[in-house]
Amino acid sequence: MKAGKLAQVVGLFHHSYVVPMIACLHAEQGAKFVTLVNRLGASRDAVTMTLKYLIEKGIVHKNPGYGHPLRPEYVLTREASRLGTACVSVLEAVDRFDIGEVAFRKWSMPVVLAVGHGASRFSAMQEILGPITPRALTGTLRDLGRVEVVQREINESWPPHPHYELATIGQSLLPKLDRLRVAAA
């Protein structure tokens, strides 16, 4: 995978509630602001910032037919319906493996994609992911290792160097993340 190929996916995980919000809006065919706050368990400020980001990206818009108490206030744009299906799939997998505490951090799923597509060395991951700092990448790899999504092994050569590969959970997530990557492009 070439450098910068994950820019859209990195954008989707820039705010921790983007993917869950898109999944919620897709599954319920829209939602009111209060419903999003309650479903996501997020603060009003976090939901406001996430909605603002999604509206700027053209993924969500205010429902033009809003006004009736039963109509949703926010809906996905027509172009984002494929993205909604992919987000639902990712959210279901994250819930099934109970890794939500780590999965929706900014760099976790982009790192899983990078490792899944052959970036087994630290420098290769930095090249593919672009603006990630060494500290953020180190912390993300440590967190993903703790929840058994990525495994780290030390090469026996001299000088010894670590390489990373997907564990069983990461291998199960990869096809869903690939669908998300394609839908986001």
C-alpha atoms as a PDB file:
ATOM      1  CA  MET A   1       0.000   0.000   0.000  1.00  0.00           C
ATOM      2  CA  LYS A   2       1.396   3.399  -0.980  1.00  0.00           C
ATOM      3  CA  ALA A   3       1.899   6.408   1.249  1.00  0.00           C
ATOM      4  CA  GLY A   4      -1.221   8.462   1.831  1.00  0.00           C
ATOM      5  CA  LYS A   5      -3.614   5.710   0.691  1.00  0.00           C
ATOM      6  CA  LEU A   6      -5.266   5.684   4.096  1.00  0.00           C
ATOM      7  CA  ALA A   7      -6.016   9.417   4.265  1.00  0.00           C
ATOM      8  CA  GLN A   8      -9.800   8.934   4.022  1.00  0.00           C
ATOM      9  CA  VAL A   9      -9.803   6.206   6.679  1.00  0.00           C
ATOM     10  CA  VAL A  10      -7.615   8.315   8.967  1.00  0.00           C
ATOM     11  CA  GLY A  11     -10.200  11.085   8.527  1.00  0.00           C
ATOM     12  CA  LEU A  12     -13.031   8.748   9.530  1.00  0.00           C
ATOM     13  CA  PHE A  13     -11.264   7.906  12.779  1.00  0.00           C
ATOM     14  CA  HIS A  14     -10.098  11.468  13.485  1.00  0.00           C
ATOM     15  CA  HIS A  15     -13.034  11.910  15.869  1.00  0.00           C
ATOM     16  CA  SER A  16     -13.816   8.868  17.989  1.00  0.00           C
ATOM     17  CA  TYR A  17     -17.563   9.013  17.309  1.00  0.00           C
ATOM     18  CA  VAL A  18     -17.518   9.329  13.498  1.00  0.00           C
ATOM     19  CA  VAL A  19     -17.848   5.636  12.603  1.00  0.00           C
ATOM     20  CA  PRO A  20     -20.377   4.834  15.367  1.00  0.00           C
ATOM     21  CA  MET A  21     -22.435   7.906  14.389  1.00  0.00           C
ATOM     22  CA  ILE A  22     -22.474   6.982  10.696  1.00  0.00           C
ATOM     23  CA  ALA A  23     -23.494   3.426  11.676  1.00  0.00           C
ATOM     24  CA  CYS A  24     -26.291   4.757  13.896  1.00  0.00           C
ATOM     25  CA  LEU A  25     -27.592   7.131  11.214  1.00  0.00           C
ATOM     26  CA  HIS A  26     -27.497   4.339   8.632  1.00  0.00           C
ATOM     27  CA  ALA A  27     -29.162   1.692  10.814  1.00  0.00           C
ATOM     28  CA  GLU A  28     -31.939   4.010  11.991  1.00  0.00           C
ATOM     29  CA  GLN A  29     -32.240   5.930   8.691  1.00  0.00           C
ATOM     30  CA  GLY A  30     -31.453   9.154  10.481  1.00  0.00           C
ATOM     31  CA  ALA A  31     -31.646  10.408  14.043  1.00  0.00           C
ATOM     32  CA  LYS A  32     -32.306  13.414  16.215  1.00  0.00           C
ATOM     33  CA  PHE A  33     -29.477  15.121  18.077  1.00  0.00           C
ATOM     34  CA  VAL A  34     -30.666  13.849  21.482  1.00  0.00           C
ATOM     35  CA  THR A  35     -30.935  10.308  20.126  1.00  0.00           C
ATOM     36  CA  LEU A  36     -27.316  10.460  18.933  1.00  0.00           C
ATOM     37  CA  VAL A  37     -26.149  11.704  22.338  1.00  0.00           C
ATOM     38  CA  ASN A  38     -27.970   8.842  24.073  1.00  0.00           C
ATOM     39  CA  ARG A  39     -27.033   6.065  21.610  1.00  0.00           C
ATOM     40  CA  LEU A  40     -23.359   6.999  21.479  1.00  0.00           C
ATOM     41  CA  GLY A  41     -23.007   7.810  25.158  1.00  0.00           C
ATOM     42  CA  ALA A  42     -21.173  10.945  24.105  1.00  0.00           C
ATOM     43  CA  SER A  43     -21.250  14.477  25.423  1.00  0.00           C
ATOM     44  CA  ARG A  44     -23.313  17.082  23.608  1.00  0.00           C
ATOM     45  CA  ASP A  45     -20.083  18.860  22.615  1.00  0.00           C
ATOM     46  CA  ALA A  46     -18.591  15.661  21.145  1.00  0.00           C
ATOM     47  CA  VAL A  47     -21.750  14.991  19.129  1.00  0.00           C
ATOM     48  CA  THR A  48     -21.834  18.622  17.947  1.00  0.00           C
ATOM     49  CA  MET A  49     -18.189  18.495  16.800  1.00  0.00           C
ATOM     50  CA  THR A  50     -18.669  15.133  15.076  1.00  0.00           C
ATOM     51  CA  LEU A  51     -21.815  16.304  13.278  1.00  0.00           C
ATOM     52  CA  LYS A  52     -20.047  19.488  12.164  1.00  0.00           C
ATOM     53  CA  TYR A  53     -17.170  17.394  10.770  1.00  0.00           C
ATOM     54  CA  LEU A  54     -19.529  14.995   8.955  1.00  0.00           C
ATOM     55  CA  ILE A  55     -21.562  17.855   7.483  1.00  0.00           C
ATOM     56  CA  GLU A  56     -18.367  19.557   6.228  1.00  0.00           C
ATOM     57  CA  LYS A  57     -17.292  16.270   4.592  1.00  0.00           C
ATOM     58  CA  GLY A  58     -20.683  15.878   2.885  1.00  0.00           C
ATOM     59  CA  ILE A  59     -21.512  12.635   4.693  1.00  0.00           C
ATOM     60  CA  VAL A  60     -24.418  13.952   6.795  1.00  0.00           C
ATOM     61  CA  HIS A  61     -26.918  16.735   6.237  1.00  0.00           C
ATOM     62  CA  LYS A  62     -29.889  18.117   8.076  1.00  0.00           C
ATOM     63  CA  ASN A  63     -33.102  16.412   7.025  1.00  0.00           C
ATOM     64  CA  PRO A  64     -34.873  18.793   4.629  1.00  0.00           C
ATOM     65  CA  GLY A  65     -38.239  17.386   5.764  1.00  0.00           C
ATOM     66  CA  TYR A  66     -37.539  17.860   9.461  1.00  0.00           C
ATOM     67  CA  GLY A  67     -40.268  19.501  11.502  1.00  0.00           C
ATOM     68  CA  HIS A  68     -42.529  16.641  12.505  1.00  0.00           C
ATOM     69  CA  PRO A  69     -41.662  15.209  15.946  1.00  0.00           C
ATOM     70  CA  LEU A  70     -41.100  11.710  14.528  1.00  0.00           C
ATOM     71  CA  ARG A  71     -38.811  12.714  11.657  1.00  0.00           C
ATOM     72  CA  PRO A  72     -35.037  12.477  12.083  1.00  0.00           C
ATOM     73  CA  GLU A  73     -33.085  15.719  12.348  1.00  0.00           C
ATOM     74  CA  TYR A  74     -29.911  14.384  10.660  1.00  0.00           C
ATOM     75  CA  VAL A  75     -29.583  11.852   7.828  1.00  0.00           C
ATOM     76  CA  LEU A  76     -26.782  10.425   5.704  1.00  0.00           C
ATOM     77  CA  THR A  77     -26.379  11.852   2.240  1.00  0.00           C
ATOM     78  CA  ARG A  78     -27.255   9.547  -0.635  1.00  0.00           C
ATOM     79  CA  GLU A  79     -23.555   9.172  -1.500  1.00  0.00           C
ATOM     80  CA  ALA A  80     -22.767   8.029   2.052  1.00  0.00           C
ATOM     81  CA  SER A  81     -25.131   5.040   2.147  1.00  0.00           C
ATOM     82  CA  ARG A  82     -22.364   2.616   1.112  1.00  0.00           C
ATOM     83  CA  LEU A  83     -20.174   4.109   3.826  1.00  0.00           C
ATOM     84  CA  GLY A  84     -22.997   3.558   6.329  1.00  0.00           C
ATOM     85  CA  THR A  85     -23.165  -0.153   5.522  1.00  0.00           C
ATOM     86  CA  ALA A  86     -19.391  -0.493   5.995  1.00  0.00           C
ATOM     87  CA  CYS A  87     -19.506   1.403   9.311  1.00  0.00           C
ATOM     88  CA  VAL A  88     -22.269  -0.883  10.620  1.00  0.00           C
ATOM     89  CA  SER A  89     -20.117  -3.901   9.729  1.00  0.00           C
ATOM     90  CA  VAL A  90     -17.051  -2.467  11.526  1.00  0.00           C
ATOM     91  CA  LEU A  91     -19.112  -1.503  14.577  1.00  0.00           C
ATOM     92  CA  GLU A  92     -20.622  -5.013  14.817  1.00  0.00           C
ATOM     93  CA  ALA A  93     -17.148  -6.591  14.675  1.00  0.00           C
ATOM     94  CA  VAL A  94     -15.765  -4.210  17.297  1.00  0.00           C
ATOM     95  CA  ASP A  95     -18.705  -5.008  19.579  1.00  0.00           C
ATOM     96  CA  ARG A  96     -18.336  -8.755  18.985  1.00  0.00           C
ATOM     97  CA  PHE A  97     -14.651  -8.679  19.974  1.00  0.00           C
ATOM     98  CA  ASP A  98     -15.287  -6.168  22.797  1.00  0.00           C
ATOM     99  CA  ILE A  99     -12.456  -3.858  21.737  1.00  0.00           C
ATOM    100  CA  GLY A 100     -14.397  -0.591  21.588  1.00  0.00           C
ATOM    101  CA  GLU A 101     -12.174   1.079  24.188  1.00  0.00           C
ATOM    102  CA  VAL A 102      -9.242   0.895  21.745  1.00  0.00           C
ATOM    103  CA  ALA A 103     -10.864   0.567  18.319  1.00  0.00           C
ATOM    104  CA  PHE A 104     -12.264   4.056  17.953  1.00  0.00           C
ATOM    105  CA  ARG A 105      -9.155   5.931  18.977  1.00  0.00           C
ATOM    106  CA  LYS A 106      -7.752   8.078  16.200  1.00  0.00           C
ATOM    107  CA  TRP A 107      -5.032   5.744  14.893  1.00  0.00           C
ATOM    108  CA  SER A 108      -6.135   2.222  15.887  1.00  0.00           C
ATOM    109  CA  MET A 109      -8.051   1.083  12.811  1.00  0.00           C
ATOM    110  CA  PRO A 110      -5.748   2.841  10.310  1.00  0.00           C
ATOM    111  CA  VAL A 111      -2.814   0.986  11.945  1.00  0.00           C
ATOM    112  CA  VAL A 112      -4.698  -2.314  11.623  1.00  0.00           C
ATOM    113  CA  LEU A 113      -5.178  -1.583   7.906  1.00  0.00           C
ATOM    114  CA  ALA A 114      -1.503  -0.685   7.464  1.00  0.00           C
ATOM    115  CA  VAL A 115      -0.292  -3.850   9.211  1.00  0.00           C
ATOM    116  CA  GLY A 116      -2.858  -5.948   7.361  1.00  0.00           C
ATOM    117  CA  HIS A 117      -1.527  -4.695   4.048  1.00  0.00           C
ATOM    118  CA  GLY A 118       2.066  -5.608   4.760  1.00  0.00           C
ATOM    119  CA  ALA A 119       3.527  -2.770   6.815  1.00  0.00           C
ATOM    120  CA  SER A 120       5.279  -4.965   9.345  1.00  0.00           C
ATOM    121  CA  ARG A 121       7.955  -2.459  10.353  1.00  0.00           C
ATOM    122  CA  PHE A 122       7.516   0.757  12.323  1.00  0.00           C
ATOM    123  CA  SER A 123       8.964   2.946   9.555  1.00  0.00           C
ATOM    124  CA  ALA A 124       6.711   1.362   6.915  1.00  0.00           C
ATOM    125  CA  MET A 125       3.650   2.124   9.041  1.00  0.00           C
ATOM    126  CA  GLN A 126       4.757   5.746   9.475  1.00  0.00           C
ATOM    127  CA  GLU A 127       5.172   6.076   5.718  1.00  0.00           C
ATOM    128  CA  ILE A 128       1.717   4.686   4.940  1.00  0.00           C
ATOM    129  CA  LEU A 129      -0.099   6.575   7.688  1.00  0.00           C
ATOM    130  CA  GLY A 130       1.463   9.947   6.960  1.00  0.00           C
ATOM    131  CA  PRO A 131       1.092  12.448   9.808  1.00  0.00           C
ATOM    132  CA  ILE A 132       1.287   9.997  12.728  1.00  0.00           C
ATOM    133  CA  THR A 133       3.937  10.801  15.336  1.00  0.00           C
ATOM    134  CA  PRO A 134       6.285   8.095  16.640  1.00  0.00           C
ATOM    135  CA  ARG A 135       4.765   8.483  20.088  1.00  0.00           C
ATOM    136  CA  ALA A 136       1.208   8.020  18.779  1.00  0.00           C
ATOM    137  CA  LEU A 137       2.220   4.982  16.710  1.00  0.00           C
ATOM    138  CA  THR A 138       4.047   3.397  19.670  1.00  0.00           C
ATOM    139  CA  GLY A 139       1.047   3.898  21.960  1.00  0.00           C
ATOM    140  CA  THR A 140      -1.376   2.597  19.345  1.00  0.00           C
ATOM    141  CA  LEU A 141       0.689  -0.540  18.701  1.00  0.00           C
ATOM    142  CA  ARG A 142       0.927  -1.136  22.454  1.00  0.00           C
ATOM    143  CA  ASP A 143      -2.860  -0.747  22.880  1.00  0.00           C
ATOM    144  CA  LEU A 144      -3.623  -2.993  19.893  1.00  0.00           C
ATOM    145  CA  GLY A 145      -1.246  -5.602  21.303  1.00  0.00           C
ATOM    146  CA  ARG A 146      -2.954  -5.429  24.690  1.00  0.00           C
ATOM    147  CA  VAL A 147      -6.368  -6.270  23.140  1.00  0.00           C
ATOM    148  CA  GLU A 148      -4.765  -8.931  20.920  1.00  0.00           C
ATOM    149  CA  VAL A 149      -5.419  -7.290  17.556  1.00  0.00           C
ATOM    150  CA  VAL A 150      -1.732  -6.939  16.608  1.00  0.00           C
ATOM    151  CA  GLN A 151       1.206  -9.065  17.721  1.00  0.00           C
ATOM    152  CA  ARG A 152       4.808  -7.954  18.018  1.00  0.00           C
ATOM    153  CA  GLU A 153       7.748 -10.262  17.406  1.00  0.00           C
ATOM    154  CA  ILE A 154      11.468  -9.586  17.636  1.00  0.00           C
ATOM    155  CA  ASN A 155      13.565 -10.709  14.676  1.00  0.00           C
ATOM    156  CA  GLU A 156      16.524 -12.894  15.650  1.00  0.00           C
ATOM    157  CA  SER A 157      18.936 -11.134  13.278  1.00  0.00           C
ATOM    158  CA  TRP A 158      21.520  -8.553  14.271  1.00  0.00           C
ATOM    159  CA  PRO A 159      20.602  -5.898  15.048  1.00  0.00           C
ATOM    160  CA  PRO A 160      17.315  -7.258  16.401  1.00  0.00           C
ATOM    161  CA  HIS A 161      14.230  -5.406  15.240  1.00  0.00           C
ATOM    162  CA  PRO A 162      10.539  -5.826  15.945  1.00  0.00           C
ATOM    163  CA  HIS A 163       7.983  -6.586  13.297  1.00  0.00           C
ATOM    164  CA  TYR A 164       4.216  -6.598  13.606  1.00  0.00           C
ATOM    165  CA  GLU A 165       1.467  -8.772  12.218  1.00  0.00           C
ATOM    166  CA  LEU A 166      -2.256  -9.114  12.739  1.00  0.00           C
ATOM    167  CA  ALA A 167      -3.474 -11.504  15.413  1.00  0.00           C
ATOM    168  CA  THR A 168      -6.692 -13.481  14.892  1.00  0.00           C
ATOM    169  CA  ILE A 169      -8.954 -10.571  15.860  1.00  0.00           C
ATOM    170  CA  GLY A 170      -7.064  -8.231  13.514  1.00  0.00           C
ATOM    171  CA  GLN A 171      -7.402 -10.713  10.651  1.00  0.00           C
ATOM    172  CA  SER A 172     -11.167 -10.825  11.261  1.00  0.00           C
ATOM    173  CA  LEU A 173     -11.370  -7.012  11.252  1.00  0.00           C
ATOM    174  CA  LEU A 174      -9.310  -6.524   8.085  1.00  0.00           C
ATOM    175  CA  PRO A 175     -12.005  -7.382   5.463  1.00  0.00           C
ATOM    176  CA  LYS A 176     -14.485  -5.059   7.175  1.00  0.00           C
ATOM    177  CA  LEU A 177     -11.915  -2.259   7.322  1.00  0.00           C
ATOM    178  CA  ASP A 178     -11.075  -2.841   3.649  1.00  0.00           C
ATOM    179  CA  ARG A 179     -14.764  -2.392   2.811  1.00  0.00           C
ATOM    180  CA  LEU A 180     -14.732   0.821   4.833  1.00  0.00           C
ATOM    181  CA  ARG A 181     -11.598   2.022   3.017  1.00  0.00           C
ATOM    182  CA  VAL A 182     -13.181   1.368  -0.399  1.00  0.00           C
ATOM    183  CA  ALA A 183     -16.451   3.034   0.610  1.00  0.00           C
ATOM    184  CA  ALA A 184     -14.595   6.094   1.942  1.00  0.00           C
ATOM    185  CA  ALA A 185     -12.605   6.594  -1.262  1.00  0.00           C
END
